[in-house]
Amino acid sequence: MQQRYYVLAAIALFCFLNINFIYGQIGGQSTYQFLNLINSPRQAALGGKNITIYDQDPTSGLYNPANINFRMDNQLSVNYVNYIADVNYGTASYAYLYDRRTQVIHAGITYINYGSFDGYDENGNATNTFSGGEAALSLGYAYNIPYSDFYIGANAKFISSKLEQYSSLGGALDLGITYFYEDWDLVIAAVARNIGTQFTAYDDTYESIPFEVNFGISQQLRKVPLQWHLTFENLQQWQIAFRNTNRDEEDLSGNVIEDDPGFFNNVLRHTILGVELFPKGGFNIRLGYSFRRGEELRIVDQRSFAGLSAGFGVKFNRVRFNYAYSRYNSAASSSFFGLNIDLQ
């Protein structure tokens, strides 16, 4: 028992010691941003970017390949999101077991359609309409380290993007590790996503892709039908809190007190909380909260539910329907729809 505590402490220490040595970008500074979109209603309802779902849901393998396991055999998942305006995206994933609970192949696809746009030249004259879309095809595999509760996995992704007359191809790897102690229903996981590059650029300039490091812990309580999830996102860049000039305050003497997010505020912006009620039942209720999304979309002196997400799952024989509702911008909210189908 004591050795297990040492193992858990070592995993956490390793992940946090590496934060200061990993550099990355978040938002607006790399291409293929669709790769880090939330990929299912279940994940969205739990706050997003969840990497500790270790069960029969094949969608969890898209975000953390170490979660690919024998329970996913012949399970198909399809998901759709009416994101913002005419922007829609979705995912599909499937897993197949071919060797006695140990060898599982996982395949998935993620796509996004940006809708139709009216084109204009430099003089403001109307030209042809155009559209944009991106897709990523992934193949994944996980391996149980012999005589241990550790699983390692990898996704190889081929990426295609077309924006108006410009197109680009790229490739990336996701690398994950999961510790699953079944006696405690405890899952600890870490994943490095989108380690890759563009094969062909849109024009002459090659851009980085959205590398991301996440760490998560979850556990189902023994005497209560509830599973909690704690996720730390964007660990590749520690300082993600920034000054918002709209929140500057001015005192009676005319002195400006600048908005200055501190250390604790920055820690919270890496944090996502999620809970799932009746996680193994025919009906599930899910709630989540993303502190970063809540803080960045917060409007001063106005009540807002930004950062909060909720959803449910209902099972009908071999089909489970999932739904989630969340807010990703100050103008509108998004609905997630998904089906998990048992093909056995």
Protein backbone atom coordinates (compact mmCIF):
# COMPACT_ATOMS: atom_id res chain seq x y z
CA MET A 1 0.00 0.00 0.00
CA GLN A 2 2.77 2.40 0.91
CA GLN A 3 4.50 1.73 -2.40
CA ARG A 4 1.39 2.86 -4.26
CA TYR A 5 1.49 6.21 -2.47
CA TYR A 6 5.09 6.62 -3.56
CA VAL A 7 4.11 5.87 -7.15
CA LEU A 8 1.30 8.45 -7.11
CA ALA A 9 3.55 11.09 -5.57
CA ALA A 10 6.25 10.39 -8.15
CA ILE A 11 3.84 10.84 -11.05
CA ALA A 12 2.57 14.17 -9.74
CA LEU A 13 6.07 15.41 -8.97
CA PHE A 14 7.36 14.45 -12.41
CA CYS A 15 4.56 16.30 -14.19
CA PHE A 16 4.87 19.50 -12.20
CA LEU A 17 8.68 19.62 -12.27
CA ASN A 18 8.52 19.52 -16.06
CA ILE A 19 6.18 22.49 -16.34
CA ASN A 20 8.99 25.04 -16.24
CA PHE A 21 10.96 23.28 -18.97
CA ILE A 22 8.17 23.03 -21.55
CA TYR A 23 7.25 26.01 -23.66
CA GLY A 24 4.15 26.47 -25.80
CA GLN A 25 1.44 28.76 -26.98
CA ILE A 26 -2.28 28.93 -26.31
CA GLY A 27 -4.79 30.58 -28.58
CA GLY A 28 -4.17 32.50 -31.78
CA GLN A 29 -0.46 31.79 -32.21
CA SER A 30 -0.52 28.45 -34.02
CA THR A 31 -2.45 26.79 -36.80
CA TYR A 32 -4.79 23.74 -36.66
CA GLN A 33 -6.46 25.09 -33.52
CA PHE A 34 -9.38 22.70 -34.06
CA LEU A 35 -7.19 19.87 -32.73
CA ASN A 36 -7.76 21.02 -29.15
CA LEU A 37 -11.51 21.51 -29.37
CA ILE A 38 -13.62 19.55 -26.91
CA ASN A 39 -14.54 16.35 -28.70
CA SER A 40 -17.65 14.91 -27.00
CA PRO A 41 -20.72 15.86 -24.91
CA ARG A 42 -19.38 13.89 -21.96
CA GLN A 43 -16.07 15.70 -22.02
CA ALA A 44 -17.78 19.07 -22.49
CA ALA A 45 -20.14 18.48 -19.55
CA LEU A 46 -17.17 17.65 -17.30
CA GLY A 47 -15.53 20.99 -18.08
CA GLY A 48 -13.52 19.96 -21.14
CA LYS A 49 -10.07 18.47 -21.86
CA ASN A 50 -10.77 15.51 -19.60
CA ILE A 51 -8.06 12.83 -19.86
CA THR A 52 -9.16 10.51 -17.02
CA ILE A 53 -12.18 8.75 -18.56
CA TYR A 54 -11.08 5.10 -18.50
CA ASP A 55 -14.03 2.95 -19.56
CA GLN A 56 -15.87 1.77 -22.68
CA ASP A 57 -16.20 5.23 -24.28
CA PRO A 58 -13.92 5.26 -27.38
CA THR A 59 -14.01 9.06 -27.60
CA SER A 60 -11.71 9.27 -24.57
CA GLY A 61 -8.98 7.72 -26.72
CA LEU A 62 -8.95 10.78 -28.96
CA TYR A 63 -7.73 13.01 -26.14
CA ASN A 64 -5.61 10.52 -24.22
CA PRO A 65 -4.46 7.44 -26.18
CA ALA A 66 -3.33 5.71 -22.96
CA ASN A 67 -7.04 5.30 -22.12
CA ILE A 68 -7.59 2.91 -25.05
CA ASN A 69 -8.60 -0.40 -23.45
CA PHE A 70 -10.37 -3.72 -24.06
CA ARG A 71 -13.72 -2.37 -22.81
CA MET A 72 -13.92 -0.24 -25.99
CA ASP A 73 -14.04 -3.32 -28.23
CA ASN A 74 -16.59 -2.82 -31.03
CA GLN A 75 -17.78 0.47 -29.55
CA LEU A 76 -18.59 3.30 -31.96
CA SER A 77 -18.98 6.92 -30.93
CA VAL A 78 -20.24 9.81 -33.08
CA ASN A 79 -20.52 13.39 -31.83
CA TYR A 80 -21.73 16.68 -33.26
CA VAL A 81 -21.44 20.28 -32.04
CA ASN A 82 -23.32 23.36 -33.24
CA TYR A 83 -20.45 25.56 -32.17
CA ILE A 84 -20.75 29.24 -33.12
CA ALA A 85 -22.82 30.80 -35.94
CA ASP A 86 -22.41 28.49 -38.96
CA VAL A 87 -19.36 26.75 -37.53
CA ASN A 88 -19.98 23.06 -36.88
CA TYR A 89 -17.65 20.26 -35.94
CA GLY A 90 -17.76 16.65 -34.89
CA THR A 91 -15.87 13.46 -34.15
CA ALA A 92 -16.21 9.74 -34.76
CA SER A 93 -14.18 6.98 -33.13
CA TYR A 94 -14.08 3.20 -33.03
CA ALA A 95 -11.99 0.59 -31.21
CA TYR A 96 -11.31 -3.06 -32.03
CA LEU A 97 -9.85 -5.74 -29.77
CA TYR A 98 -7.86 -8.37 -31.62
CA ASP A 99 -5.85 -10.22 -28.98
CA ARG A 100 -7.31 -11.30 -25.62
CA ARG A 101 -7.80 -8.02 -23.77
CA THR A 102 -4.33 -6.70 -24.50
CA GLN A 103 -4.19 -5.52 -28.11
CA VAL A 104 -6.66 -2.77 -29.06
CA ILE A 105 -6.54 -0.58 -32.16
CA HIS A 106 -8.34 2.76 -32.07
CA ALA A 107 -9.31 4.93 -35.01
CA GLY A 108 -10.91 8.37 -35.03
CA ILE A 109 -11.66 11.39 -37.12
CA THR A 110 -12.20 15.01 -36.13
CA TYR A 111 -13.57 17.58 -38.58
CA ILE A 112 -14.67 21.21 -38.54
CA ASN A 113 -16.68 23.14 -41.11
CA TYR A 114 -16.35 26.92 -40.92
CA GLY A 115 -19.38 27.59 -43.12
CA SER A 116 -19.73 29.90 -46.10
CA PHE A 117 -18.23 33.40 -46.42
CA ASP A 118 -18.83 36.29 -48.83
CA GLY A 119 -15.65 37.26 -50.65
CA TYR A 120 -14.56 40.86 -51.42
CA ASP A 121 -11.53 42.29 -53.16
CA GLU A 122 -9.30 45.10 -51.85
CA ASN A 123 -11.73 47.71 -53.23
CA GLY A 124 -14.75 46.24 -51.47
CA ASN A 125 -16.24 44.68 -54.59
CA ALA A 126 -18.03 41.37 -54.09
CA THR A 127 -16.30 38.27 -55.43
CA ASN A 128 -17.16 34.60 -55.09
CA THR A 129 -18.25 33.00 -51.86
CA PHE A 130 -15.81 30.61 -50.23
CA SER A 131 -15.67 28.14 -47.38
CA GLY A 132 -13.18 26.50 -45.08
CA GLY A 133 -12.76 23.19 -43.34
CA GLU A 134 -10.22 21.02 -41.54
CA ALA A 135 -9.99 17.35 -40.60
CA ALA A 136 -7.67 15.03 -38.70
CA LEU A 137 -7.54 11.25 -39.04
CA SER A 138 -5.98 9.41 -36.09
CA LEU A 139 -4.82 5.87 -35.35
CA GLY A 140 -4.11 4.97 -31.75
CA TYR A 141 -2.70 2.15 -29.67
CA ALA A 142 -2.19 1.58 -25.94
CA TYR A 143 0.07 -0.86 -24.11
CA ASN A 144 -0.07 -2.13 -20.53
CA ILE A 145 3.39 -2.09 -18.93
CA PRO A 146 3.81 -5.72 -17.73
CA TYR A 147 3.01 -6.45 -14.08
CA SER A 148 1.85 -2.90 -13.41
CA ASP A 149 -1.19 -0.64 -13.46
CA PHE A 150 0.45 1.73 -15.94
CA TYR A 151 -0.68 2.16 -19.52
CA ILE A 152 1.08 4.09 -22.25
CA GLY A 153 -0.45 5.07 -25.57
CA ALA A 154 0.05 7.06 -28.74
CA ASN A 155 -2.11 8.59 -31.46
CA ALA A 156 -0.68 9.30 -34.91
CA LYS A 157 -2.64 12.02 -36.72
CA PHE A 158 -2.75 13.08 -40.33
CA ILE A 159 -4.10 16.63 -40.67
CA SER A 160 -5.70 18.31 -43.68
CA SER A 161 -6.80 21.95 -43.86
CA LYS A 162 -8.34 24.06 -46.61
CA LEU A 163 -9.15 27.75 -46.04
CA GLU A 164 -10.47 29.47 -49.19
CA GLN A 165 -7.82 28.85 -51.89
CA TYR A 166 -5.10 27.93 -49.38
CA SER A 167 -4.45 24.41 -48.14
CA SER A 168 -2.06 22.72 -45.76
CA LEU A 169 -1.13 19.20 -44.66
CA GLY A 170 0.42 18.21 -41.36
CA GLY A 171 1.09 15.39 -38.93
CA ALA A 172 1.20 15.04 -35.16
CA LEU A 173 1.54 12.60 -32.29
CA ASP A 174 -0.29 12.41 -28.97
CA LEU A 175 1.59 10.62 -26.18
CA GLY A 176 -0.18 9.62 -22.98
CA ILE A 177 0.36 7.70 -19.77
CA THR A 178 -2.39 6.48 -17.44
CA TYR A 179 -2.24 4.86 -14.01
CA PHE A 180 -5.46 2.93 -13.33
CA TYR A 181 -5.84 1.29 -9.92
CA GLU A 182 -9.10 -0.62 -10.27
CA ASP A 183 -9.51 -1.46 -6.56
CA TRP A 184 -9.83 2.24 -5.77
CA ASP A 185 -11.42 3.28 -9.10
CA LEU A 186 -8.53 5.75 -9.28
CA VAL A 187 -7.18 7.18 -12.53
CA ILE A 188 -4.12 9.42 -12.85
CA ALA A 189 -3.09 10.51 -16.34
CA ALA A 190 -0.82 12.86 -18.27
CA VAL A 191 -0.78 13.58 -21.98
CA ALA A 192 1.29 15.62 -24.42
CA ARG A 193 -0.80 16.46 -27.47
CA ASN A 194 0.00 17.62 -31.01
CA ILE A 195 3.72 16.98 -31.15
CA GLY A 196 4.22 17.60 -34.85
CA THR A 197 4.54 19.99 -37.75
CA GLN A 198 3.12 21.15 -41.05
CA PHE A 199 4.19 19.09 -44.06
CA THR A 200 3.02 21.80 -46.46
CA ALA A 201 2.31 25.42 -45.50
CA TYR A 202 -0.64 27.53 -46.60
CA ASP A 203 1.74 29.91 -48.37
CA ASP A 204 5.47 30.26 -47.74
CA THR A 205 5.50 30.46 -43.95
CA TYR A 206 5.41 27.34 -41.78
CA GLU A 207 3.52 27.71 -38.51
CA SER A 208 3.58 25.81 -35.25
CA ILE A 209 0.69 23.57 -34.25
CA PRO A 210 -1.10 23.82 -30.87
CA PHE A 211 1.07 21.71 -28.57
CA GLU A 212 -0.55 21.09 -25.19
CA VAL A 213 0.26 19.25 -21.95
CA ASN A 214 -2.49 18.17 -19.55
CA PHE A 215 -2.55 16.30 -16.24
CA GLY A 216 -5.59 14.80 -14.53
CA ILE A 217 -6.85 12.77 -11.56
CA SER A 218 -10.25 11.17 -11.07
CA GLN A 219 -11.84 8.70 -8.70
CA GLN A 220 -15.24 7.15 -8.15
CA LEU A 221 -16.34 7.31 -4.52
CA ARG A 222 -16.96 3.94 -2.90
CA LYS A 223 -20.24 4.54 -1.09
CA VAL A 224 -21.62 7.35 -3.26
CA PRO A 225 -22.45 6.94 -6.98
CA LEU A 226 -20.27 9.91 -7.91
CA GLN A 227 -16.99 10.27 -9.78
CA TRP A 228 -14.94 13.45 -9.50
CA HIS A 229 -12.43 14.71 -12.05
CA LEU A 230 -9.62 17.24 -11.58
CA THR A 231 -7.74 18.39 -14.69
CA PHE A 232 -4.83 20.79 -15.10
CA GLU A 233 -4.64 22.13 -18.66
CA ASN A 234 -2.00 23.99 -20.67
CA LEU A 235 0.88 23.05 -18.40
CA GLN A 236 3.31 23.74 -21.25
CA GLN A 237 2.89 27.45 -20.47
CA TRP A 238 2.63 28.32 -16.81
CA GLN A 239 1.77 32.03 -17.05
CA ILE A 240 -1.61 32.22 -18.81
CA ALA A 241 -3.30 34.90 -16.67
CA PHE A 242 -3.11 38.36 -18.27
CA ARG A 243 -4.15 41.90 -17.47
CA ASN A 244 -7.62 42.92 -18.68
CA THR A 245 -7.72 46.72 -19.06
CA ASN A 246 -11.53 46.67 -18.88
CA ARG A 247 -11.20 45.64 -15.25
CA ASP A 248 -8.89 48.48 -14.26
CA GLU A 249 -10.34 50.61 -11.47
CA GLU A 250 -9.96 54.33 -10.79
CA ASP A 251 -10.09 55.77 -7.28
CA LEU A 252 -11.47 59.19 -6.23
CA SER A 253 -8.09 60.81 -6.83
CA GLY A 254 -7.95 59.63 -10.42
CA ASN A 255 -5.31 56.97 -9.80
CA VAL A 256 -5.71 53.85 -11.92
CA ILE A 257 -5.51 50.51 -10.15
CA GLU A 258 -4.52 48.04 -12.83
CA ASP A 259 -6.02 44.59 -13.06
CA ASP A 260 -3.21 42.28 -11.93
CA PRO A 261 -4.02 38.56 -11.73
CA GLY A 262 -1.86 36.99 -9.06
CA PHE A 263 -0.30 33.57 -8.56
CA PHE A 264 -3.47 31.92 -7.20
CA ASN A 265 -5.54 33.32 -10.07
CA ASN A 266 -3.05 31.87 -12.54
CA VAL A 267 -3.18 28.45 -10.84
CA LEU A 268 -6.97 28.41 -11.07
CA ARG A 269 -6.85 29.19 -14.79
CA HIS A 270 -5.10 25.88 -15.31
CA THR A 271 -7.80 24.05 -13.34
CA ILE A 272 -10.93 22.24 -14.53
CA LEU A 273 -13.36 20.49 -12.16
CA GLY A 274 -15.94 17.88 -13.11
CA VAL A 275 -18.36 15.50 -11.40
CA GLU A 276 -20.44 12.67 -12.79
CA LEU A 277 -23.42 11.31 -10.88
CA PHE A 278 -24.28 7.63 -11.48
CA PRO A 279 -21.21 7.17 -13.72
CA LYS A 280 -21.89 3.47 -14.38
CA GLY A 281 -25.67 3.67 -14.50
CA GLY A 282 -28.17 3.89 -17.33
CA PHE A 283 -28.68 7.58 -16.61
CA ASN A 284 -25.84 10.02 -15.83
CA ILE A 285 -25.79 13.65 -14.77
CA ARG A 286 -22.58 15.63 -15.35
CA LEU A 287 -21.36 19.03 -14.24
CA GLY A 288 -18.10 20.85 -14.88
CA TYR A 289 -16.37 24.16 -14.44
CA SER A 290 -13.40 25.64 -16.32
CA PHE A 291 -11.85 28.45 -14.28
CA ARG A 292 -9.94 29.88 -17.25
CA ARG A 293 -12.99 30.05 -19.48
CA GLY A 294 -15.07 31.48 -16.65
CA GLU A 295 -12.50 34.18 -15.90
CA GLU A 296 -11.79 35.15 -19.51
CA LEU A 297 -15.49 35.44 -20.40
CA ARG A 298 -16.52 37.14 -17.17
CA ILE A 299 -18.19 40.52 -17.67
CA VAL A 300 -17.78 43.07 -14.88
CA ASP A 301 -21.01 43.82 -12.94
CA GLN A 302 -22.96 41.25 -14.92
CA ARG A 303 -24.01 37.77 -13.88
CA SER A 304 -22.58 35.15 -16.20
CA PHE A 305 -22.51 31.37 -16.33
CA ALA A 306 -19.33 31.31 -18.41
CA GLY A 307 -17.11 28.42 -17.46
CA LEU A 308 -20.00 26.28 -16.24
CA SER A 309 -21.13 23.27 -18.25
CA ALA A 310 -23.71 20.54 -17.73
CA GLY A 311 -25.03 17.48 -19.47
CA PHE A 312 -26.49 14.01 -19.19
CA GLY A 313 -26.35 10.56 -20.72
CA VAL A 314 -29.21 8.08 -21.24
CA LYS A 315 -28.78 4.47 -22.30
CA PHE A 316 -31.32 2.72 -24.54
CA ASN A 317 -30.38 -0.94 -24.92
CA ARG A 318 -27.13 -0.82 -26.96
CA VAL A 319 -27.18 2.93 -27.58
CA ARG A 320 -26.30 5.75 -25.19
CA PHE A 321 -27.38 9.29 -26.01
CA ASN A 322 -25.25 12.10 -24.58
CA TYR A 323 -25.95 15.83 -24.43
CA ALA A 324 -24.05 18.80 -23.02
CA TYR A 325 -24.57 22.54 -22.83
CA SER A 326 -21.75 25.02 -22.38
CA ARG A 327 -20.79 28.61 -23.11
CA TYR A 328 -17.63 29.42 -25.10
CA ASN A 329 -18.22 33.07 -25.95
CA SER A 330 -20.17 35.99 -24.52
CA ALA A 331 -22.71 36.03 -27.38
CA ALA A 332 -24.01 32.46 -27.48
CA SER A 333 -23.83 28.97 -26.03
CA SER A 334 -23.10 25.62 -27.67
CA SER A 335 -24.92 22.30 -27.61
CA PHE A 336 -23.14 18.97 -27.93
CA PHE A 337 -24.87 15.80 -29.14
CA GLY A 338 -23.42 12.30 -29.21
CA LEU A 339 -24.21 8.61 -29.58
CA ASN A 340 -22.23 5.68 -28.21
CA ILE A 341 -23.21 2.49 -30.00
CA ASP A 342 -22.36 -1.06 -28.91
CA LEU A 343 -21.82 -3.03 -32.15
CA GLN A 344 -21.27 -6.42 -30.50
